[in-house]
Amino acid sequence: MPAALRGGARTKAKPRAKAPSSPRKSRGPSKAQAGYAPGKLGAAGRIGLSPAHALLAAGGVLAAMAVVALATGDRAERLGQGVQAAIGQQFAALGFRLNAVHLQGASPAATADILSAAGVYKDQPVLGLDLEALRGRVEAVGWVEEARIVRLLPDTLIIAISERRQLAVWQHHGTSRVIDAEGRVIPEANPLGSANLPLVVGQGADQHAAAILPRIAARPRLMNRVEALVRVDDRRWDLRLKDGSLVQLPAVDEEAALIQLEQLDQRSRILELGFARIDLRDPTMVAVRPRDQVRSSGLIADGA
């Protein structure tokens, strides 16, 4: 006998009708499916990293940065270096290894010295590179005026330099060195391979060459005949010509003396005559000594 219910008779519940299934358009794999990579992780996929690996690596970097931020003094520096090396090794295993070095702004003569000083090598962890220390090593090379280091992930290093311009070969105390426009020696430059550079000789010639050389170079007829510029008592210049002639310039107003020599050469082709000495030290008089030591009429020769 069916049990009675308080407040009324017990009735049998009707079964609910199933809702008709509606067709759905395929929307591709859901975000939860394996293989989904957000836009910011797309680059990781292009270098062979899975999104999971990339996220783990990024988390490691953030944790390392936090540790370094909490450290102070020398401890911070040492800890930072250790963390940087550890990060570099971890990322190297994921493909961040040095594969290419591009050197910009260097001449062929300077390239080998700069790369040697940089001290980088193939498959070195890119993120483990200390760029500031690398820049210091490069700028210690005599060829280099200034350097800029750029790291391009995942595997490229760019070394861009401003090279010191070779000005002349400086000969002093029997030693020849290549100098730049400021008179600084470029130790790595080979003077024997710089035959196209002018030769300056004597104490102080390195510091004063940049002032006199443009004035001589502006006169190709004279420049082509000059064998060396000799600094005398660190006060003035003598020009030794290839034919053995000597042109003595004054200690002041070199430009006026060169103009005087240029005018004399235009009138009498004096540079072609092979005089032993042309003395321009006195602005009021040009003294010329012929090779045979015979005084020439119209020209005044001074003493030795």
Protein backbone atom coordinates (compact mmCIF):
# COMPACT_ATOMS: atom_id res chain seq x y z
CA MET A 1 0.00 0.00 0.00
CA PRO A 2 1.49 3.27 -1.06
CA ALA A 3 2.59 5.50 1.77
CA ALA A 4 0.57 8.60 2.35
CA LEU A 5 2.22 11.99 2.09
CA ARG A 6 1.53 14.80 4.48
CA GLY A 7 -0.58 17.35 2.75
CA GLY A 8 -1.62 15.27 -0.22
CA ALA A 9 -1.18 12.17 -2.27
CA ARG A 10 2.16 11.08 -3.62
CA THR A 11 2.50 11.48 -7.35
CA LYS A 12 5.00 10.04 -9.74
CA ALA A 13 7.37 12.66 -11.28
CA LYS A 14 7.40 12.94 -15.04
CA PRO A 15 10.75 12.46 -16.75
CA ARG A 16 12.33 15.63 -18.25
CA ALA A 17 12.67 15.78 -21.95
CA LYS A 18 16.21 15.95 -23.32
CA ALA A 19 17.11 19.27 -24.91
CA PRO A 20 17.75 18.89 -28.61
CA SER A 21 21.38 19.05 -29.45
CA SER A 22 22.29 22.13 -31.48
CA PRO A 23 25.08 21.94 -34.04
CA ARG A 24 28.27 23.90 -33.13
CA LYS A 25 30.90 25.28 -35.44
CA SER A 26 34.38 23.97 -34.90
CA ARG A 27 36.40 26.67 -33.14
CA GLY A 28 39.80 24.92 -33.21
CA PRO A 29 41.71 23.73 -30.17
CA SER A 30 40.85 25.29 -26.82
CA LYS A 31 43.39 27.21 -24.72
CA ALA A 32 43.63 24.23 -22.42
CA GLN A 33 44.70 21.92 -25.20
CA ALA A 34 48.35 20.97 -25.53
CA GLY A 35 50.33 23.04 -28.01
CA TYR A 36 48.58 26.36 -27.39
CA ALA A 37 51.04 29.26 -27.22
CA PRO A 38 50.02 32.86 -26.44
CA GLY A 39 51.24 35.59 -28.76
CA LYS A 40 54.06 36.64 -26.42
CA LEU A 41 55.45 33.12 -26.50
CA GLY A 42 55.42 32.88 -30.27
CA ALA A 43 59.07 33.90 -30.48
CA ALA A 44 59.99 31.04 -28.18
CA GLY A 45 58.43 28.61 -30.60
CA ARG A 46 60.42 30.06 -33.48
CA ILE A 47 63.72 29.21 -31.76
CA GLY A 48 62.62 25.76 -30.72
CA LEU A 49 61.38 26.46 -27.15
CA SER A 50 58.11 25.08 -25.88
CA PRO A 51 55.86 27.57 -24.05
CA ALA A 52 56.39 25.63 -20.84
CA HIS A 53 60.15 25.93 -21.13
CA ALA A 54 59.92 29.62 -21.96
CA LEU A 55 57.68 30.29 -18.94
CA LEU A 56 59.97 28.34 -16.64
CA ALA A 57 63.00 30.24 -17.94
CA ALA A 58 61.26 33.59 -17.53
CA GLY A 59 60.30 32.65 -13.98
CA GLY A 60 63.89 31.75 -13.24
CA VAL A 61 65.09 35.11 -14.53
CA LEU A 62 62.58 37.01 -12.37
CA ALA A 63 63.56 35.02 -9.30
CA ALA A 64 67.24 35.68 -9.95
CA MET A 65 66.61 39.40 -10.38
CA ALA A 66 64.77 39.48 -7.07
CA VAL A 67 67.67 37.79 -5.28
CA VAL A 68 70.15 40.27 -6.75
CA ALA A 69 67.95 43.21 -5.78
CA LEU A 70 68.00 42.09 -2.15
CA ALA A 71 71.79 41.87 -2.00
CA THR A 72 74.05 44.85 -1.26
CA GLY A 73 77.70 45.89 -1.71
CA ASP A 74 80.30 43.46 -3.01
CA ARG A 75 77.97 40.64 -2.16
CA ALA A 76 75.50 41.99 -4.69
CA GLU A 77 78.17 42.15 -7.39
CA ARG A 78 79.42 38.63 -6.73
CA LEU A 79 75.93 37.26 -6.47
CA GLY A 80 74.88 39.08 -9.62
CA GLN A 81 77.80 37.61 -11.54
CA GLY A 82 76.99 34.13 -10.31
CA VAL A 83 73.33 34.48 -11.16
CA GLN A 84 74.20 35.86 -14.60
CA ALA A 85 76.45 32.89 -15.30
CA ALA A 86 73.82 30.42 -14.10
CA ILE A 87 71.13 32.06 -16.22
CA GLY A 88 73.45 32.04 -19.21
CA GLN A 89 74.10 28.31 -18.83
CA GLN A 90 70.41 27.51 -18.47
CA PHE A 91 69.44 29.52 -21.52
CA ALA A 92 72.38 28.13 -23.50
CA ALA A 93 70.84 24.69 -23.09
CA LEU A 94 67.68 26.11 -24.67
CA GLY A 95 69.51 27.49 -27.71
CA PHE A 96 70.81 30.88 -26.55
CA ARG A 97 74.41 30.25 -27.62
CA LEU A 98 76.74 32.56 -29.52
CA ASN A 99 76.74 31.73 -33.21
CA ALA A 100 77.71 34.99 -34.97
CA VAL A 101 79.81 38.08 -34.20
CA HIS A 102 79.47 41.13 -36.44
CA LEU A 103 82.29 43.68 -36.20
CA GLN A 104 81.38 47.11 -37.57
CA GLY A 105 83.62 50.12 -38.26
CA ALA A 106 86.97 48.30 -38.14
CA SER A 107 89.57 48.26 -40.90
CA PRO A 108 91.01 44.92 -42.05
CA ALA A 109 94.24 45.71 -40.20
CA ALA A 110 92.39 46.20 -36.89
CA THR A 111 89.88 43.34 -37.13
CA ALA A 112 92.05 40.50 -35.80
CA ASP A 113 93.28 42.53 -32.79
CA ILE A 114 89.77 43.58 -31.81
CA LEU A 115 88.28 40.08 -32.06
CA SER A 116 91.19 38.67 -30.09
CA ALA A 117 90.68 41.22 -27.30
CA ALA A 118 86.93 40.57 -27.23
CA GLY A 119 87.66 36.98 -26.21
CA VAL A 120 84.29 35.54 -27.23
CA TYR A 121 83.87 32.09 -28.74
CA LYS A 122 81.32 30.02 -30.60
CA ASP A 123 78.55 28.41 -28.50
CA GLN A 124 79.33 30.68 -25.55
CA PRO A 125 76.20 31.38 -23.46
CA VAL A 126 74.86 34.65 -24.89
CA LEU A 127 73.09 35.73 -21.72
CA GLY A 128 76.21 35.01 -19.68
CA LEU A 129 78.21 37.70 -21.51
CA ASP A 130 79.26 40.70 -19.41
CA LEU A 131 78.78 43.42 -22.02
CA GLU A 132 80.43 46.16 -19.98
CA ALA A 133 83.57 44.09 -19.41
CA LEU A 134 83.58 43.16 -23.09
CA ARG A 135 83.38 46.83 -24.09
CA GLY A 136 86.30 47.61 -21.78
CA ARG A 137 88.46 44.94 -23.39
CA VAL A 138 87.66 46.19 -26.88
CA GLU A 139 88.34 49.84 -26.01
CA ALA A 140 91.72 48.84 -24.56
CA VAL A 141 92.85 47.99 -28.10
CA GLY A 142 94.95 50.80 -29.56
CA TRP A 143 92.93 50.89 -32.77
CA VAL A 144 89.69 51.68 -30.93
CA GLU A 145 88.46 55.13 -30.01
CA GLU A 146 85.06 54.02 -28.75
CA ALA A 147 83.04 50.80 -28.78
CA ARG A 148 79.39 49.83 -28.49
CA ILE A 149 78.26 46.26 -27.79
CA VAL A 150 74.81 44.98 -28.75
CA ARG A 151 73.43 41.54 -27.89
CA LEU A 152 70.80 40.23 -30.31
CA LEU A 153 68.97 37.19 -29.02
CA PRO A 154 69.11 34.33 -29.48
CA ASP A 155 72.66 33.98 -30.85
CA THR A 156 74.27 37.18 -32.23
CA LEU A 157 76.73 39.77 -30.90
CA ILE A 158 77.43 43.11 -32.59
CA ILE A 159 80.64 45.02 -31.84
CA ALA A 160 80.48 48.53 -33.35
CA ILE A 161 83.61 50.65 -33.01
CA SER A 162 84.98 54.05 -33.95
CA GLU A 163 88.52 53.47 -35.16
CA ARG A 164 91.38 55.87 -34.49
CA ARG A 165 92.65 57.31 -37.76
CA GLN A 166 96.30 56.64 -38.55
CA LEU A 167 98.04 59.96 -39.13
CA ALA A 168 101.76 59.27 -39.49
CA VAL A 169 104.71 57.09 -38.60
CA TRP A 170 106.64 58.69 -35.74
CA GLN A 171 110.34 57.91 -35.48
CA HIS A 172 112.12 58.72 -32.23
CA HIS A 173 115.23 57.23 -30.59
CA GLY A 174 115.50 54.68 -33.37
CA THR A 175 111.98 53.34 -32.87
CA SER A 176 109.11 53.79 -35.31
CA ARG A 177 105.47 53.83 -34.21
CA VAL A 178 102.18 54.67 -35.86
CA ILE A 179 100.32 57.61 -34.28
CA ASP A 180 96.80 58.95 -34.59
CA ALA A 181 95.58 62.52 -35.10
CA GLU A 182 96.07 63.30 -31.40
CA GLY A 183 99.63 62.02 -31.32
CA ARG A 184 98.73 58.83 -29.46
CA VAL A 185 100.61 55.67 -30.39
CA ILE A 186 98.62 52.79 -31.90
CA PRO A 187 100.67 49.87 -30.53
CA GLU A 188 99.08 47.22 -32.73
CA ALA A 189 99.71 49.10 -36.00
CA ASN A 190 102.75 47.92 -37.94
CA PRO A 191 104.88 50.88 -39.13
CA LEU A 192 106.51 48.66 -41.76
CA GLY A 193 103.12 48.16 -43.34
CA SER A 194 102.31 51.88 -43.32
CA ALA A 195 104.50 53.10 -46.16
CA ASN A 196 101.70 55.34 -47.39
CA LEU A 197 101.81 57.38 -44.17
CA PRO A 198 104.07 60.45 -43.83
CA LEU A 199 107.14 60.12 -41.62
CA VAL A 200 107.67 62.54 -38.72
CA VAL A 201 110.90 62.48 -36.72
CA GLY A 202 112.07 63.76 -33.36
CA GLN A 203 110.89 64.72 -29.92
CA GLY A 204 107.52 66.46 -30.03
CA ALA A 205 106.86 65.43 -33.61
CA ASP A 206 104.04 63.16 -32.45
CA GLN A 207 102.20 66.01 -30.72
CA HIS A 208 102.63 68.61 -33.46
CA ALA A 209 102.23 66.47 -36.60
CA ALA A 210 98.48 67.04 -36.80
CA ALA A 211 99.03 70.79 -37.20
CA ILE A 212 101.69 70.75 -39.94
CA LEU A 213 100.65 67.78 -42.08
CA PRO A 214 97.40 69.26 -43.47
CA ARG A 215 99.35 72.35 -44.58
CA ILE A 216 101.88 70.24 -46.45
CA ALA A 217 99.19 67.95 -47.90
CA ALA A 218 97.38 71.01 -49.27
CA ARG A 219 100.41 71.51 -51.56
CA PRO A 220 100.68 68.26 -53.56
CA ARG A 221 103.76 69.42 -55.47
CA LEU A 222 105.63 69.82 -52.20
CA MET A 223 104.04 66.84 -50.45
CA ASN A 224 105.07 64.43 -53.20
CA ARG A 225 108.70 65.45 -52.65
CA VAL A 226 108.77 65.22 -48.85
CA GLU A 227 110.54 62.22 -47.37
CA ALA A 228 110.26 63.22 -43.70
CA LEU A 229 109.26 66.07 -41.43
CA VAL A 230 111.88 66.57 -38.72
CA ARG A 231 111.02 68.35 -35.48
CA VAL A 232 113.93 70.61 -34.42
CA ASP A 233 114.30 71.35 -30.68
CA ASP A 234 110.56 70.78 -30.38
CA ARG A 235 110.12 74.31 -31.77
CA ARG A 236 109.94 74.14 -35.55
CA TRP A 237 110.12 71.85 -38.59
CA ASP A 238 112.63 70.90 -41.26
CA LEU A 239 111.29 69.26 -44.41
CA ARG A 240 113.67 66.65 -45.80
CA LEU A 241 112.96 66.08 -49.49
CA LYS A 242 113.51 62.87 -51.40
CA ASP A 243 116.29 64.43 -53.49
CA GLY A 244 118.27 65.35 -50.35
CA SER A 245 117.17 69.00 -50.16
CA LEU A 246 116.27 70.57 -46.84
CA VAL A 247 113.52 73.17 -46.34
CA GLN A 248 113.78 74.99 -43.01
CA LEU A 249 110.51 76.40 -41.66
CA PRO A 250 110.22 79.08 -38.95
CA ALA A 251 108.99 78.42 -35.42
CA VAL A 252 105.98 80.69 -35.97
CA ASP A 253 103.72 81.37 -38.95
CA GLU A 254 104.55 78.24 -40.91
CA GLU A 255 101.74 78.96 -43.33
CA ALA A 256 103.28 82.24 -44.46
CA ALA A 257 106.63 80.50 -45.07
CA LEU A 258 104.96 77.78 -47.13
CA ILE A 259 103.16 80.39 -49.22
CA GLN A 260 106.51 82.09 -49.81
CA LEU A 261 108.05 78.77 -50.92
CA GLU A 262 105.09 78.07 -53.18
CA GLN A 263 105.42 81.45 -54.91
CA LEU A 264 109.15 80.96 -55.37
CA ASP A 265 108.57 77.54 -56.91
CA GLN A 266 105.99 78.96 -59.31
CA ARG A 267 108.48 81.56 -60.51
CA SER A 268 111.69 79.52 -60.68
CA ARG A 269 110.67 75.84 -60.18
CA ILE A 270 113.03 75.80 -57.23
CA LEU A 271 111.83 72.41 -55.99
CA GLU A 272 113.12 70.83 -59.20
CA LEU A 273 116.60 72.41 -59.05
CA GLY A 274 117.92 70.30 -56.19
CA PHE A 275 119.23 72.92 -53.79
CA ALA A 276 120.97 71.74 -50.64
CA ARG A 277 118.92 74.03 -48.39
CA ILE A 278 116.09 76.54 -48.59
CA ASP A 279 115.94 78.62 -45.44
CA LEU A 280 112.56 80.20 -44.72
CA ARG A 281 113.15 81.01 -41.06
CA ASP A 282 113.46 84.74 -41.72
CA PRO A 283 110.17 86.08 -43.12
CA THR A 284 111.99 89.00 -44.78
CA MET A 285 114.47 86.88 -46.74
CA VAL A 286 114.69 83.50 -48.45
CA ALA A 287 118.18 82.05 -48.20
CA VAL A 288 119.12 79.28 -50.62
CA ARG A 289 122.28 77.18 -50.63
CA PRO A 290 123.01 75.27 -53.87
CA ARG A 291 124.40 71.75 -53.68
CA ASP A 292 127.84 72.83 -54.94
CA GLN A 293 128.03 75.46 -52.14
CA VAL A 294 128.46 78.21 -54.77
CA ARG A 295 126.50 81.33 -54.02
CA SER A 296 124.00 82.10 -56.70
CA SER A 297 123.37 85.72 -57.75
CA GLY A 298 120.03 87.02 -56.61
CA LEU A 299 119.79 84.38 -53.86
CA ILE A 300 121.25 84.73 -50.39
CA ALA A 301 122.68 81.72 -48.62
CA ASP A 302 122.95 81.81 -44.85
CA GLY A 303 125.35 79.85 -42.71
CA ALA A 304 124.97 76.31 -41.51
